[in-house]
Amino acid sequence: MVVGRTLWDFVVEAFETPGLGIILLALLILFEITLILILLLAHNGLLDLKFSYGGLGLELGQFAAQLI
């Protein structure tokens, strides 16, 4: 019988490592704050989100382009 490890096993091990867990938690919080800021800027019209087959694009919004 072959016993394999899943991705969640590595995630649990990373959080159990004394120094690495805190760094990963800090990176997760930083990512969430960045995502919230991007969404707030898009909601206010300062950024435009462009969806395409190639991915997601961020462009300067019409209102912000007039300020420059």
C-alpha atoms as a PDB file:
ATOM      1  CA  MET A   1       0.000   0.000   0.000  1.00  0.00           C
ATOM      2  CA  VAL A   2       1.326   3.428  -0.963  1.00  0.00           C
ATOM      3  CA  VAL A   3       0.793   6.174   1.565  1.00  0.00           C
ATOM      4  CA  GLY A   4       1.020   9.676   0.166  1.00  0.00           C
ATOM      5  CA  ARG A   5       1.018  13.064   1.765  1.00  0.00           C
ATOM      6  CA  THR A   6      -1.401  15.772   0.827  1.00  0.00           C
ATOM      7  CA  LEU A   7      -0.867  19.492   0.541  1.00  0.00           C
ATOM      8  CA  TRP A   8      -2.611  19.975   3.884  1.00  0.00           C
ATOM      9  CA  ASP A   9       0.046  17.862   5.601  1.00  0.00           C
ATOM     10  CA  PHE A  10       2.705  20.311   4.439  1.00  0.00           C
ATOM     11  CA  VAL A  11       0.557  23.282   5.509  1.00  0.00           C
ATOM     12  CA  VAL A  12       0.140  21.852   8.996  1.00  0.00           C
ATOM     13  CA  GLU A  13       3.882  21.192   9.239  1.00  0.00           C
ATOM     14  CA  ALA A  14       4.660  24.740   8.115  1.00  0.00           C
ATOM     15  CA  PHE A  15       2.450  26.214  10.829  1.00  0.00           C
ATOM     16  CA  GLU A  16       3.959  23.898  13.441  1.00  0.00           C
ATOM     17  CA  THR A  17       7.470  25.110  12.599  1.00  0.00           C
ATOM     18  CA  PRO A  18       8.264  27.756  15.253  1.00  0.00           C
ATOM     19  CA  GLY A  19       9.485  30.643  13.079  1.00  0.00           C
ATOM     20  CA  LEU A  20       7.746  29.896   9.813  1.00  0.00           C
ATOM     21  CA  GLY A  21       4.174  29.915  11.107  1.00  0.00           C
ATOM     22  CA  ILE A  22       4.349  33.554  12.200  1.00  0.00           C
ATOM     23  CA  ILE A  23       5.845  34.629   8.877  1.00  0.00           C
ATOM     24  CA  LEU A  24       3.147  32.806   6.904  1.00  0.00           C
ATOM     25  CA  LEU A  25       0.427  34.363   9.048  1.00  0.00           C
ATOM     26  CA  ALA A  26       1.912  37.832   8.518  1.00  0.00           C
ATOM     27  CA  LEU A  27       2.042  37.252   4.739  1.00  0.00           C
ATOM     28  CA  LEU A  28      -1.575  36.106   4.731  1.00  0.00           C
ATOM     29  CA  ILE A  29      -2.681  39.244   6.604  1.00  0.00           C
ATOM     30  CA  LEU A  30      -0.657  41.465   4.244  1.00  0.00           C
ATOM     31  CA  PHE A  31      -2.251  39.762   1.231  1.00  0.00           C
ATOM     32  CA  GLU A  32      -5.744  40.305   2.643  1.00  0.00           C
ATOM     33  CA  ILE A  33      -5.079  43.990   3.349  1.00  0.00           C
ATOM     34  CA  THR A  34      -3.732  44.460  -0.189  1.00  0.00           C
ATOM     35  CA  LEU A  35      -6.790  42.765  -1.670  1.00  0.00           C
ATOM     36  CA  ILE A  36      -9.129  44.952   0.403  1.00  0.00           C
ATOM     37  CA  LEU A  37      -7.313  48.121  -0.713  1.00  0.00           C
ATOM     38  CA  ILE A  38      -7.494  47.121  -4.382  1.00  0.00           C
ATOM     39  CA  LEU A  39     -11.206  46.392  -4.080  1.00  0.00           C
ATOM     40  CA  LEU A  40     -11.839  49.725  -2.312  1.00  0.00           C
ATOM     41  CA  LEU A  41      -9.949  51.641  -5.003  1.00  0.00           C
ATOM     42  CA  ALA A  42     -11.907  49.817  -7.703  1.00  0.00           C
ATOM     43  CA  HIS A  43     -15.190  50.537  -5.943  1.00  0.00           C
ATOM     44  CA  ASN A  44     -14.371  54.256  -5.743  1.00  0.00           C
ATOM     45  CA  GLY A  45     -13.487  54.426  -9.436  1.00  0.00           C
ATOM     46  CA  LEU A  46      -9.762  55.004  -9.031  1.00  0.00           C
ATOM     47  CA  LEU A  47      -8.933  51.597 -10.518  1.00  0.00           C
ATOM     48  CA  ASP A  48     -10.606  49.597 -13.256  1.00  0.00           C
ATOM     49  CA  LEU A  49     -10.573  45.824 -13.110  1.00  0.00           C
ATOM     50  CA  LYS A  50     -10.398  44.211 -16.545  1.00  0.00           C
ATOM     51  CA  PHE A  51     -11.264  40.534 -16.822  1.00  0.00           C
ATOM     52  CA  SER A  52     -10.082  38.592 -19.838  1.00  0.00           C
ATOM     53  CA  TYR A  53      -9.057  35.098 -20.851  1.00  0.00           C
ATOM     54  CA  GLY A  54      -5.457  35.920 -19.972  1.00  0.00           C
ATOM     55  CA  GLY A  55      -6.263  36.881 -16.394  1.00  0.00           C
ATOM     56  CA  LEU A  56      -7.049  39.974 -14.414  1.00  0.00           C
ATOM     57  CA  GLY A  57      -5.793  43.449 -15.235  1.00  0.00           C
ATOM     58  CA  LEU A  58      -5.690  46.618 -13.180  1.00  0.00           C
ATOM     59  CA  GLU A  59      -5.934  49.914 -15.012  1.00  0.00           C
ATOM     60  CA  LEU A  60      -6.104  53.503 -13.891  1.00  0.00           C
ATOM     61  CA  GLY A  61      -9.738  54.587 -13.716  1.00  0.00           C
ATOM     62  CA  GLN A  62     -11.261  57.458 -15.684  1.00  0.00           C
ATOM     63  CA  PHE A  63     -11.552  59.671 -12.614  1.00  0.00           C
ATOM     64  CA  ALA A  64      -7.948  59.107 -11.567  1.00  0.00           C
ATOM     65  CA  ALA A  65      -6.716  59.634 -15.140  1.00  0.00           C
ATOM     66  CA  GLN A  66      -8.287  63.098 -15.177  1.00  0.00           C
ATOM     67  CA  LEU A  67      -6.454  64.061 -11.985  1.00  0.00           C
ATOM     68  CA  ILE A  68      -3.042  63.461 -13.548  1.00  0.00           C
END
